[in-house]
C-alpha atoms as a PDB file:
ATOM      1  CA  MET A   1      -9.236  -8.911   4.888  1.00  0.00           C
ATOM      2  CA  VAL A   2      -6.463 -11.264   4.043  1.00  0.00           C
ATOM      3  CA  LYS A   3      -6.578 -12.619   0.639  1.00  0.00           C
ATOM      4  CA  ASP A   4      -3.587 -14.954   0.905  1.00  0.00           C
ATOM      5  CA  ALA A   5      -0.509 -15.392   2.924  1.00  0.00           C
ATOM      6  CA  SER A   6       2.890 -17.183   2.842  1.00  0.00           C
ATOM      7  CA  ILE A   7       5.890 -17.543   5.026  1.00  0.00           C
ATOM      8  CA  SER A   8       9.255 -17.535   3.631  1.00  0.00           C
ATOM      9  CA  PHE A   9      12.987 -16.942   4.110  1.00  0.00           C
ATOM     10  CA  GLU A  10      13.286 -14.723   0.944  1.00  0.00           C
ATOM     11  CA  ILE A  11      10.819 -12.341  -0.993  1.00  0.00           C
ATOM     12  CA  PRO A  12      11.369 -10.670  -4.483  1.00  0.00           C
ATOM     13  CA  ASP A  13      12.842  -7.456  -2.885  1.00  0.00           C
ATOM     14  CA  GLY A  14      16.290  -7.388  -4.371  1.00  0.00           C
ATOM     15  CA  ASN A  15      18.176  -8.799  -1.243  1.00  0.00           C
ATOM     16  CA  LEU A  16      19.017 -11.931  -2.867  1.00  0.00           C
ATOM     17  CA  GLY A  17      19.465 -15.208  -0.756  1.00  0.00           C
ATOM     18  CA  ASN A  18      22.117 -17.811  -0.158  1.00  0.00           C
ATOM     19  CA  ASN A  19      23.335 -19.798  -3.150  1.00  0.00           C
ATOM     20  CA  ALA A  20      24.094 -23.512  -3.208  1.00  0.00           C
ATOM     21  CA  LYS A  21      25.598 -25.775  -5.609  1.00  0.00           C
ATOM     22  CA  ILE A  22      23.290 -28.370  -7.215  1.00  0.00           C
ATOM     23  CA  TYR A  23      23.932 -31.208  -9.846  1.00  0.00           C
ATOM     24  CA  THR A  24      22.387 -34.375 -11.158  1.00  0.00           C
ATOM     25  CA  PRO A  25      23.788 -37.439  -9.871  1.00  0.00           C
ATOM     26  CA  ASP A  26      24.715 -38.905 -13.300  1.00  0.00           C
ATOM     27  CA  LYS A  27      27.230 -36.141 -13.562  1.00  0.00           C
ATOM     28  CA  ASP A  28      30.318 -35.063 -11.478  1.00  0.00           C
ATOM     29  CA  SER A  29      29.549 -32.525  -8.835  1.00  0.00           C
ATOM     30  CA  THR A  30      32.090 -30.182 -10.564  1.00  0.00           C
ATOM     31  CA  SER A  31      29.571 -29.851 -13.345  1.00  0.00           C
ATOM     32  CA  GLY A  32      26.812 -28.372 -11.099  1.00  0.00           C
ATOM     33  CA  ILE A  33      25.549 -24.988 -11.037  1.00  0.00           C
ATOM     34  CA  SER A  34      25.172 -22.367  -8.464  1.00  0.00           C
ATOM     35  CA  ALA A  35      21.466 -21.718  -7.614  1.00  0.00           C
ATOM     36  CA  MET A  36      19.764 -19.239  -5.425  1.00  0.00           C
ATOM     37  CA  ALA A  37      18.033 -20.942  -2.403  1.00  0.00           C
ATOM     38  CA  ILE A  38      14.592 -19.909  -1.412  1.00  0.00           C
ATOM     39  CA  ALA A  39      12.696 -21.717   1.482  1.00  0.00           C
ATOM     40  CA  ALA A  40       9.063 -21.071   1.109  1.00  0.00           C
ATOM     41  CA  ASP A  41       5.721 -22.424   2.019  1.00  0.00           C
ATOM     42  CA  ASN A  42       2.997 -23.905  -0.392  1.00  0.00           C
ATOM     43  CA  ARG A  43       1.349 -20.408  -0.629  1.00  0.00           C
ATOM     44  CA  PHE A  44       4.402 -18.594  -2.040  1.00  0.00           C
ATOM     45  CA  THR A  45       3.515 -18.904  -5.735  1.00  0.00           C
ATOM     46  CA  SER A  46      -0.069 -17.897  -5.316  1.00  0.00           C
ATOM     47  CA  VAL A  47       0.902 -14.735  -3.142  1.00  0.00           C
ATOM     48  CA  TYR A  48       3.461 -13.748  -5.666  1.00  0.00           C
ATOM     49  CA  GLY A  49       1.787 -14.774  -8.757  1.00  0.00           C
ATOM     50  CA  ILE A  50       4.360 -17.193  -9.912  1.00  0.00           C
ATOM     51  CA  GLY A  51       3.164 -19.504 -12.743  1.00  0.00           C
ATOM     52  CA  MET A  52       4.221 -23.005 -13.045  1.00  0.00           C
ATOM     53  CA  LYS A  53       5.811 -24.395 -16.238  1.00  0.00           C
ATOM     54  CA  ALA A  54       5.585 -28.129 -15.292  1.00  0.00           C
ATOM     55  CA  GLY A  55       4.570 -30.129 -12.299  1.00  0.00           C
ATOM     56  CA  THR A  56       3.287 -28.383  -9.100  1.00  0.00           C
ATOM     57  CA  PHE A  57       4.630 -26.358  -6.232  1.00  0.00           C
ATOM     58  CA  TYR A  58       4.487 -27.559  -2.643  1.00  0.00           C
ATOM     59  CA  GLU A  59       1.247 -28.807  -1.300  1.00  0.00           C
ATOM     60  CA  GLY A  60       2.175 -28.653   2.379  1.00  0.00           C
ATOM     61  CA  GLY A  61       3.154 -31.497   4.604  1.00  0.00           C
ATOM     62  CA  SER A  62       6.116 -33.555   5.205  1.00  0.00           C
ATOM     63  CA  GLN A  63       5.819 -35.543   1.876  1.00  0.00           C
ATOM     64  CA  ASP A  64       7.774 -32.648   0.321  1.00  0.00           C
ATOM     65  CA  SER A  65      10.693 -32.673   2.462  1.00  0.00           C
ATOM     66  CA  MET A  66      12.903 -34.480  -0.169  1.00  0.00           C
ATOM     67  CA  LYS A  67      11.341 -32.499  -3.120  1.00  0.00           C
ATOM     68  CA  LEU A  68      12.676 -29.375  -4.764  1.00  0.00           C
ATOM     69  CA  VAL A  69      11.016 -26.971  -7.241  1.00  0.00           C
ATOM     70  CA  ILE A  70      13.259 -25.189  -9.632  1.00  0.00           C
ATOM     71  CA  ASN A  71      12.917 -22.202 -11.912  1.00  0.00           C
ATOM     72  CA  GLU A  72      13.186 -22.277 -15.843  1.00  0.00           C
ATOM     73  CA  SER A  73      16.712 -20.796 -15.557  1.00  0.00           C
ATOM     74  CA  ALA A  74      17.921 -23.594 -13.366  1.00  0.00           C
ATOM     75  CA  ALA A  75      16.164 -26.261 -15.602  1.00  0.00           C
ATOM     76  CA  ARG A  76      17.929 -24.976 -18.747  1.00  0.00           C
ATOM     77  CA  ALA A  77      21.356 -24.654 -16.763  1.00  0.00           C
ATOM     78  CA  LEU A  78      21.017 -28.369 -15.811  1.00  0.00           C
ATOM     79  CA  GLY A  79      20.256 -29.425 -19.313  1.00  0.00           C
ATOM     80  CA  TRP A  80      16.313 -29.667 -19.551  1.00  0.00           C
ATOM     81  CA  PHE A  81      15.187 -27.224 -22.061  1.00  0.00           C
ATOM     82  CA  ASP A  82      11.689 -28.916 -21.865  1.00  0.00           C
ATOM     83  CA  PRO A  83      10.356 -28.348 -18.252  1.00  0.00           C
ATOM     84  CA  GLN A  84       8.395 -31.544 -18.440  1.00  0.00           C
ATOM     85  CA  LYS A  85      11.603 -33.676 -18.735  1.00  0.00           C
ATOM     86  CA  ALA A  86      12.937 -32.143 -15.393  1.00  0.00           C
ATOM     87  CA  LEU A  87       9.991 -33.628 -13.376  1.00  0.00           C
ATOM     88  CA  ASN A  88      11.134 -36.308 -10.927  1.00  0.00           C
ATOM     89  CA  GLN A  89      14.772 -36.085 -11.848  1.00  0.00           C
ATOM     90  CA  PRO A  90      17.072 -36.546  -9.027  1.00  0.00           C
ATOM     91  CA  LEU A  91      19.211 -33.573  -7.566  1.00  0.00           C
ATOM     92  CA  LYS A  92      22.028 -33.557  -5.218  1.00  0.00           C
ATOM     93  CA  PHE A  93      23.733 -30.805  -3.315  1.00  0.00           C
ATOM     94  CA  PHE A  94      27.640 -30.400  -3.202  1.00  0.00           C
ATOM     95  CA  ASN A  95      28.929 -32.041  -0.205  1.00  0.00           C
ATOM     96  CA  SER A  96      25.699 -33.623   0.921  1.00  0.00           C
ATOM     97  CA  PRO A  97      24.784 -37.278   0.452  1.00  0.00           C
ATOM     98  CA  ALA A  98      20.898 -36.705   0.266  1.00  0.00           C
ATOM     99  CA  THR A  99      19.110 -36.957  -2.939  1.00  0.00           C
ATOM    100  CA  PHE A 100      16.111 -34.646  -3.721  1.00  0.00           C
ATOM    101  CA  TYR A 101      13.888 -34.947  -6.536  1.00  0.00           C
ATOM    102  CA  ILE A 102      12.227 -32.253  -8.756  1.00  0.00           C
ATOM    103  CA  LYS A 103       8.543 -31.652  -7.967  1.00  0.00           C
ATOM    104  CA  GLY A 104       8.013 -28.763 -10.375  1.00  0.00           C
ATOM    105  CA  VAL A 105       9.425 -26.081 -12.701  1.00  0.00           C
ATOM    106  CA  THR A 106       8.290 -22.397 -12.128  1.00  0.00           C
ATOM    107  CA  LYS A 107       8.428 -19.701 -14.561  1.00  0.00           C
ATOM    108  CA  ASP A 108      11.080 -17.253 -14.061  1.00  0.00           C
ATOM    109  CA  ILE A 109      10.613 -14.418 -11.765  1.00  0.00           C
ATOM    110  CA  GLN A 110      13.098 -11.556 -11.134  1.00  0.00           C
ATOM    111  CA  PHE A 111      14.187 -11.281  -7.573  1.00  0.00           C
ATOM    112  CA  GLY A 112      16.582  -8.647  -8.164  1.00  0.00           C
ATOM    113  CA  SER A 113      17.043  -5.658 -10.351  1.00  0.00           C
ATOM    114  CA  MET A 114      16.424  -5.867 -14.240  1.00  0.00           C
ATOM    115  CA  ARG A 115      20.076  -5.055 -14.667  1.00  0.00           C
ATOM    116  CA  ASP A 116      20.773  -8.616 -13.640  1.00  0.00           C
ATOM    117  CA  LYS A 117      19.939 -11.825 -15.433  1.00  0.00           C
ATOM    118  CA  ILE A 118      17.427 -14.036 -13.543  1.00  0.00           C
ATOM    119  CA  GLN A 119      19.461 -16.576 -11.537  1.00  0.00           C
ATOM    120  CA  PRO A 120      18.903 -20.264 -11.534  1.00  0.00           C
ATOM    121  CA  THR A 121      16.904 -20.777  -8.474  1.00  0.00           C
ATOM    122  CA  PHE A 122      15.368 -23.583  -6.401  1.00  0.00           C
ATOM    123  CA  PHE A 123      12.726 -23.609  -3.824  1.00  0.00           C
ATOM    124  CA  SER A 124      12.728 -25.849  -0.702  1.00  0.00           C
ATOM    125  CA  THR A 125       9.881 -26.358   1.745  1.00  0.00           C
ATOM    126  CA  VAL A 126       9.768 -24.513   4.973  1.00  0.00           C
ATOM    127  CA  GLU A 127       7.822 -27.275   6.533  1.00  0.00           C
ATOM    128  CA  GLY A 128       9.308 -28.251   9.965  1.00  0.00           C
ATOM    129  CA  VAL A 129      11.307 -24.967  10.241  1.00  0.00           C
ATOM    130  CA  LEU A 130      10.421 -23.102  13.416  1.00  0.00           C
ATOM    131  CA  VAL A 131      11.853 -19.734  12.422  1.00  0.00           C
ATOM    132  CA  TYR A 132      10.837 -17.618   9.352  1.00  0.00           C
ATOM    133  CA  ARG A 133      12.105 -14.269   8.037  1.00  0.00           C
ATOM    134  CA  HIS A 134       9.078 -12.840   6.095  1.00  0.00           C
ATOM    135  CA  LEU A 135       5.325 -13.187   6.347  1.00  0.00           C
ATOM    136  CA  SER A 136       4.009 -12.031   3.044  1.00  0.00           C
ATOM    137  CA  ILE A 137       0.258 -11.002   3.024  1.00  0.00           C
ATOM    138  CA  LYS A 138      -2.026 -10.165  -0.026  1.00  0.00           C
ATOM    139  CA  LEU A 139      -4.650  -7.770   1.029  1.00  0.00           C
ATOM    140  CA  ASN A 140      -8.140  -7.709  -0.470  1.00  0.00           C
ATOM    141  CA  ASP A 141      -9.356  -4.624  -2.376  1.00  0.00           C
ATOM    142  CA  GLY A 142     -10.569  -1.743  -0.199  1.00  0.00           C
ATOM    143  CA  SER A 143      -9.234   0.608   2.454  1.00  0.00           C
ATOM    144  CA  ILE A 144      -5.423  -0.380   2.957  1.00  0.00           C
ATOM    145  CA  SER A 145      -5.236   1.614   6.204  1.00  0.00           C
ATOM    146  CA  GLN A 146      -8.065  -0.056   7.776  1.00  0.00           C
ATOM    147  CA  GLN A 147      -6.730  -3.592   6.679  1.00  0.00           C
ATOM    148  CA  ILE A 148      -3.372  -2.696   8.252  1.00  0.00           C
ATOM    149  CA  ALA A 149      -4.927  -1.426  11.494  1.00  0.00           C
ATOM    150  CA  SER A 150      -6.900  -4.865  11.861  1.00  0.00           C
ATOM    151  CA  LEU A 151      -3.713  -6.758  11.013  1.00  0.00           C
ATOM    152  CA  GLN A 152      -1.706  -4.784  13.626  1.00  0.00           C
ATOM    153  CA  LYS A 153      -4.561  -5.402  16.284  1.00  0.00           C
ATOM    154  CA  GLU A 154      -4.401  -9.168  15.586  1.00  0.00           C
ATOM    155  CA  TRP A 155      -0.504  -9.278  15.531  1.00  0.00           C
ATOM    156  CA  LYS A 156      -0.527  -7.636  18.946  1.00  0.00           C
ATOM    157  CA  ARG A 157      -2.961 -10.233  20.096  1.00  0.00           C
ATOM    158  CA  ILE A 158      -0.812 -13.089  18.903  1.00  0.00           C
ATOM    159  CA  PHE A 159       2.588 -11.649  19.474  1.00  0.00           C
ATOM    160  CA  PRO A 160       2.205  -9.112  22.359  1.00  0.00           C
ATOM    161  CA  HIS A 161       6.151  -8.674  22.691  1.00  0.00           C
ATOM    162  CA  SER A 162       7.070  -8.226  19.092  1.00  0.00           C
ATOM    163  CA  PRO A 163       6.829  -5.046  17.223  1.00  0.00           C
ATOM    164  CA  PHE A 164       4.544  -4.791  14.282  1.00  0.00           C
ATOM    165  CA  ASP A 165       6.798  -3.757  11.396  1.00  0.00           C
ATOM    166  CA  TYR A 166       5.604  -4.025   7.663  1.00  0.00           C
ATOM    167  CA  LYS A 167       6.532  -2.876   4.283  1.00  0.00           C
ATOM    168  CA  PHE A 168       4.887  -2.797   0.958  1.00  0.00           C
ATOM    169  CA  ILE A 169       6.688  -4.900  -1.802  1.00  0.00           C
ATOM    170  CA  ASP A 170       6.106  -2.299  -4.300  1.00  0.00           C
ATOM    171  CA  ASP A 171       8.199   0.053  -2.003  1.00  0.00           C
ATOM    172  CA  ASN A 172      10.990  -2.374  -1.759  1.00  0.00           C
ATOM    173  CA  LEU A 173      10.939  -2.804  -5.539  1.00  0.00           C
ATOM    174  CA  ALA A 174      11.078   1.018  -5.941  1.00  0.00           C
ATOM    175  CA  LYS A 175      14.245   1.106  -3.908  1.00  0.00           C
ATOM    176  CA  MET A 176      15.996  -0.891  -6.421  1.00  0.00           C
ATOM    177  CA  TYR A 177      15.393   1.657  -9.143  1.00  0.00           C
ATOM    178  CA  GLU A 178      16.014   4.833  -7.088  1.00  0.00           C
ATOM    179  CA  THR A 179      18.844   5.680  -9.570  1.00  0.00           C
ATOM    180  CA  GLU A 180      16.484   5.396 -12.457  1.00  0.00           C
ATOM    181  CA  THR A 181      13.752   7.394 -10.735  1.00  0.00           C
ATOM    182  CA  ARG A 182      16.478  10.367 -10.236  1.00  0.00           C
ATOM    183  CA  MET A 183      17.467  10.028 -13.762  1.00  0.00           C
ATOM    184  CA  ARG A 184      13.921  10.137 -14.970  1.00  0.00           C
ATOM    185  CA  LYS A 185      13.339  13.421 -13.008  1.00  0.00           C
ATOM    186  CA  ALA A 186      16.646  14.866 -14.233  1.00  0.00           C
ATOM    187  CA  ALA A 187      15.702  13.946 -17.899  1.00  0.00           C
ATOM    188  CA  ARG A 188      12.285  15.441 -17.379  1.00  0.00           C
ATOM    189  CA  LEU A 189      13.827  18.666 -16.209  1.00  0.00           C
ATOM    190  CA  ALA A 190      16.569  18.613 -19.016  1.00  0.00           C
ATOM    191  CA  THR A 191      13.861  18.029 -21.424  1.00  0.00           C
ATOM    192  CA  ILE A 192      11.729  21.107 -20.290  1.00  0.00           C
ATOM    193  CA  VAL A 193      14.803  23.310 -20.119  1.00  0.00           C
ATOM    194  CA  ALA A 194      15.833  22.151 -23.647  1.00  0.00           C
ATOM    195  CA  PHE A 195      12.430  22.748 -24.995  1.00  0.00           C
ATOM    196  CA  ILE A 196      12.327  26.369 -23.659  1.00  0.00           C
ATOM    197  CA  LEU A 197      15.736  26.987 -25.049  1.00  0.00           C
ATOM    198  CA  VAL A 198      14.899  25.538 -28.457  1.00  0.00           C
ATOM    199  CA  THR A 199      11.656  27.813 -28.532  1.00  0.00           C
ATOM    200  CA  LEU A 200      13.529  30.923 -27.607  1.00  0.00           C
ATOM    201  CA  GLY A 201      16.109  30.085 -30.139  1.00  0.00           C
ATOM    202  CA  ILE A 202      13.622  29.585 -32.909  1.00  0.00           C
ATOM    203  CA  LEU A 203      11.826  32.888 -31.880  1.00  0.00           C
ATOM    204  CA  GLY A 204      15.106  34.762 -32.112  1.00  0.00           C
ATOM    205  CA  ILE A 205      16.118  33.297 -35.364  1.00  0.00           C
ATOM    206  CA  SER A 206      12.716  33.648 -36.883  1.00  0.00           C
ATOM    207  CA  ALA A 207      12.473  37.424 -35.653  1.00  0.00           C
ATOM    208  CA  MET A 208      15.876  38.163 -37.259  1.00  0.00           C
ATOM    209  CA  SER A 209      15.106  36.336 -40.510  1.00  0.00           C
ATOM    210  CA  ILE A 210      11.660  38.079 -40.812  1.00  0.00           C
ATOM    211  CA  THR A 211      13.020  41.421 -39.904  1.00  0.00           C
ATOM    212  CA  ARG A 212      15.889  41.103 -42.521  1.00  0.00           C
ATOM    213  CA  ARG A 213      13.507  40.002 -45.146  1.00  0.00           C
ATOM    214  CA  THR A 214      10.627  42.431 -44.479  1.00  0.00           C
ATOM    215  CA  LYS A 215      10.927  44.110 -47.957  1.00  0.00           C
ATOM    216  CA  GLU A 216      11.099  40.873 -49.729  1.00  0.00           C
ATOM    217  CA  VAL A 217       7.781  39.821 -48.027  1.00  0.00           C
ATOM    218  CA  GLY A 218       6.348  43.098 -49.138  1.00  0.00           C
ATOM    219  CA  ILE A 219       7.647  42.622 -52.697  1.00  0.00           C
ATOM    220  CA  ARG A 220       6.194  39.082 -52.812  1.00  0.00           C
ATOM    221  CA  LYS A 221       2.846  40.245 -51.594  1.00  0.00           C
ATOM    222  CA  VAL A 222       2.717  42.964 -54.185  1.00  0.00           C
ATOM    223  CA  LEU A 223       3.432  40.297 -56.922  1.00  0.00           C
ATOM    224  CA  GLY A 224       0.685  38.197 -55.664  1.00  0.00           C
ATOM    225  CA  ALA A 225       2.177  35.803 -53.144  1.00  0.00           C
ATOM    226  CA  THR A 226      -0.430  34.171 -50.816  1.00  0.00           C
ATOM    227  CA  TYR A 227       0.094  33.771 -47.119  1.00  0.00           C
ATOM    228  CA  THR A 228       0.824  30.099 -47.599  1.00  0.00           C
ATOM    229  CA  ASP A 229       3.546  30.768 -50.127  1.00  0.00           C
ATOM    230  CA  ILE A 230       5.301  33.146 -47.757  1.00  0.00           C
ATOM    231  CA  VAL A 231       5.225  30.628 -44.790  1.00  0.00           C
ATOM    232  CA  ILE A 232       6.610  27.888 -47.108  1.00  0.00           C
ATOM    233  CA  LEU A 233       9.336  30.177 -47.940  1.00  0.00           C
ATOM    234  CA  PHE A 234      10.643  30.554 -44.364  1.00  0.00           C
ATOM    235  CA  VAL A 235       9.812  27.019 -43.475  1.00  0.00           C
ATOM    236  CA  ARG A 236      12.000  25.944 -46.428  1.00  0.00           C
ATOM    237  CA  GLU A 237      14.889  28.154 -44.966  1.00  0.00           C
ATOM    238  CA  PHE A 238      14.581  26.495 -41.557  1.00  0.00           C
ATOM    239  CA  SER A 239      14.178  22.974 -42.821  1.00  0.00           C
ATOM    240  CA  TRP A 240      17.793  22.632 -43.541  1.00  0.00           C
ATOM    241  CA  ILE A 241      18.652  23.646 -40.083  1.00  0.00           C
ATOM    242  CA  ILE A 242      15.958  21.163 -38.617  1.00  0.00           C
ATOM    243  CA  ILE A 243      17.433  18.398 -40.887  1.00  0.00           C
ATOM    244  CA  ALA A 244      21.222  19.072 -39.998  1.00  0.00           C
ATOM    245  CA  SER A 245      20.346  19.272 -36.242  1.00  0.00           C
ATOM    246  CA  ASN A 246      18.616  15.945 -36.475  1.00  0.00           C
ATOM    247  CA  LEU A 247      21.149  14.129 -38.387  1.00  0.00           C
ATOM    248  CA  VAL A 248      23.683  15.027 -35.680  1.00  0.00           C
ATOM    249  CA  ALA A 249      21.320  14.493 -32.619  1.00  0.00           C
ATOM    250  CA  TRP A 250      19.656  11.184 -33.738  1.00  0.00           C
ATOM    251  CA  PRO A 251      22.899   9.029 -33.998  1.00  0.00           C
ATOM    252  CA  LEU A 252      24.258  10.628 -30.787  1.00  0.00           C
ATOM    253  CA  ALA A 253      20.906   9.923 -28.747  1.00  0.00           C
ATOM    254  CA  TRP A 254      20.579   6.464 -30.313  1.00  0.00           C
ATOM    255  CA  TYR A 255      24.232   5.640 -29.202  1.00  0.00           C
ATOM    256  CA  LEU A 256      23.686   7.003 -25.696  1.00  0.00           C
ATOM    257  CA  LEU A 257      20.382   5.489 -25.096  1.00  0.00           C
ATOM    258  CA  ASN A 258      21.654   2.013 -26.293  1.00  0.00           C
ATOM    259  CA  LYS A 259      24.680   2.307 -24.111  1.00  0.00           C
ATOM    260  CA  TRP A 260      22.470   2.873 -21.148  1.00  0.00           C
ATOM    261  CA  LEU A 261      19.821   0.278 -21.936  1.00  0.00           C
ATOM    262  CA  ASN A 262      22.946  -2.190 -22.355  1.00  0.00           C
ATOM    263  CA  THR A 263      23.481  -1.907 -18.489  1.00  0.00           C
ATOM    264  CA  TYR A 264      20.214  -4.138 -18.254  1.00  0.00           C
ATOM    265  CA  SER A 265      19.842  -7.845 -18.815  1.00  0.00           C
ATOM    266  CA  TYR A 266      16.217  -7.179 -19.790  1.00  0.00           C
ATOM    267  CA  ARG A 267      15.718  -4.309 -21.970  1.00  0.00           C
ATOM    268  CA  ILE A 268      13.469  -2.942 -24.721  1.00  0.00           C
ATOM    269  CA  ASP A 269      14.586  -2.476 -28.219  1.00  0.00           C
ATOM    270  CA  LEU A 270      14.850   1.113 -29.528  1.00  0.00           C
ATOM    271  CA  ASP A 271      13.059   1.843 -32.609  1.00  0.00           C
ATOM    272  CA  ILE A 272      12.790   5.104 -34.630  1.00  0.00           C
ATOM    273  CA  SER A 273       9.298   6.140 -33.547  1.00  0.00           C
ATOM    274  CA  PRO A 274      10.457   8.366 -30.576  1.00  0.00           C
ATOM    275  CA  PHE A 275      12.951  10.241 -32.943  1.00  0.00           C
ATOM    276  CA  LEU A 276      10.321  10.732 -35.509  1.00  0.00           C
ATOM    277  CA  ILE A 277       7.930  12.205 -32.816  1.00  0.00           C
ATOM    278  CA  VAL A 278      10.444  14.538 -31.676  1.00  0.00           C
ATOM    279  CA  GLY A 279      11.262  15.570 -35.278  1.00  0.00           C
ATOM    280  CA  ILE A 280       7.603  16.135 -35.815  1.00  0.00           C
ATOM    281  CA  VAL A 281       7.084  18.245 -32.566  1.00  0.00           C
ATOM    282  CA  ILE A 282      10.014  20.323 -33.691  1.00  0.00           C
ATOM    283  CA  ILE A 283       8.833  21.011 -37.114  1.00  0.00           C
ATOM    284  CA  GLY A 284       5.270  21.848 -35.757  1.00  0.00           C
ATOM    285  CA  LEU A 285       6.893  24.277 -33.324  1.00  0.00           C
ATOM    286  CA  VAL A 286       8.940  25.927 -35.978  1.00  0.00           C
ATOM    287  CA  LEU A 287       5.770  26.220 -38.178  1.00  0.00           C
ATOM    288  CA  ALA A 288       3.884  27.716 -35.233  1.00  0.00           C
ATOM    289  CA  VAL A 289       6.432  30.241 -34.355  1.00  0.00           C
ATOM    290  CA  ILE A 290       6.937  31.215 -38.115  1.00  0.00           C
ATOM    291  CA  MET A 291       3.223  31.664 -38.432  1.00  0.00           C
ATOM    292  CA  LEU A 292       2.955  33.787 -35.373  1.00  0.00           C
ATOM    293  CA  MET A 293       6.010  35.920 -36.188  1.00  0.00           C
ATOM    294  CA  LEU A 294       4.788  36.503 -39.880  1.00  0.00           C
ATOM    295  CA  GLY A 295       1.311  37.467 -38.690  1.00  0.00           C
ATOM    296  CA  LYS A 296       2.165  40.995 -38.042  1.00  0.00           C
ATOM    297  CA  THR A 297       4.324  41.501 -41.157  1.00  0.00           C
ATOM    298  CA  LEU A 298       1.840  40.112 -43.436  1.00  0.00           C
ATOM    299  CA  ARG A 299      -0.875  42.370 -41.940  1.00  0.00           C
ATOM    300  CA  THR A 300       1.255  45.311 -42.583  1.00  0.00           C
ATOM    301  CA  ASN A 301       0.518  47.343 -45.887  1.00  0.00           C
ATOM    302  CA  PRO A 302       3.363  46.287 -48.295  1.00  0.00           C
ATOM    303  CA  VAL A 303       3.864  49.836 -49.302  1.00  0.00           C
ATOM    304  CA  LYS A 304       5.042  50.487 -45.628  1.00  0.00           C
ATOM    305  CA  SER A 305       7.216  47.622 -45.740  1.00  0.00           C
ATOM    306  CA  LEU A 306       8.956  48.731 -49.034  1.00  0.00           C
ATOM    307  CA  GLN A 307       9.327  52.338 -47.396  1.00  0.00           C
ATOM    308  CA  ILE A 308      11.298  50.985 -44.445  1.00  0.00           C
ATOM    309  CA  ASP A 309      15.091  51.922 -44.757  1.00  0.00           C
END
C-alpha cells in the first residue's frame, strides 16, 4: 500500500518555509546568503524524487545532527560551482556559534511557482524533533480510494483523537497555477470564437467576390480555364489579405507572448513553428472555403453565367 513515506516541516506546495542566513566561517557574516530552511527526514528525497549532485542525503540517526544538505543554487551562491567541492565544507548561521558541515548537494527543485527563481535552500534533519507539520506518503499503483481508506483506518487506530486530513500534492501544485488555468480556458474560448469569426468572414468575402466575378468565371471557362486555374485565381486574390494580416498579427502576438513568458523565471523560448502552423491552417481554410463556394458556380453552364445581368 505505502511505497514510501517522509516526515518534514515543508513540502513543495508553494508555501515556502522560513529563511535563515548562512555563511562560510572564512568570510564575514555580512557576506552570507539568505536560504530557505527545510527540516526533513532521510526519506524526503526518495518520496519527492530529488536527485543528488554530490554526497548523500541524511541517513537517519544522531550522527547527522551537525550536518546540512544544500541545493545547487545555495552551493553556487556560496561560491562552489562544482558541487563536489562543497562537501564537508563548514557553514555557520548568523548569530549562532555552532558550525555545521555540508553532507550533500541536491539537484534544484522548485518549491514555489515557476514565476520565481529557485531559492538557495538547505535541509536539516528532523531527528530528535517531536513535532512535525507534514507526513508525505507515496502510494503504490492501484486503487487510490482503497489505499486512502486503508490509511484512514490505520490513522484512526494510531491517532484516535486526531482528524484524518489529507491532500494530494498535485492538487496543491495546481492551486499555484489557477491563474494560468483560467487563462488557458479563456484563450481556448477566444480561439474558438476567433476561428468562427474568421470562417464567417472568409465565407462572406468569398461569396461576395465570387458573385461579383461570376461572368469572369464563365468567360474563363469558355476560353478553356480549368477548375484549378480558377481556384488559383481566387486564392491569389486572398493571398495578399492573408499575408498582410499575418504581418500585423505575428509581431503583435510574439510581443504579447514574450511579455507574458517573461513573468516566469523558467520559461520556454518562442519559435516560429506555432505561427507557421496558424498560417498554414488559415491558408487551408481559405482554400477549402473557396473550393466550396466555387463548386456551384463552376457547375453552372457558362452561357447562363454570361446571361446574368
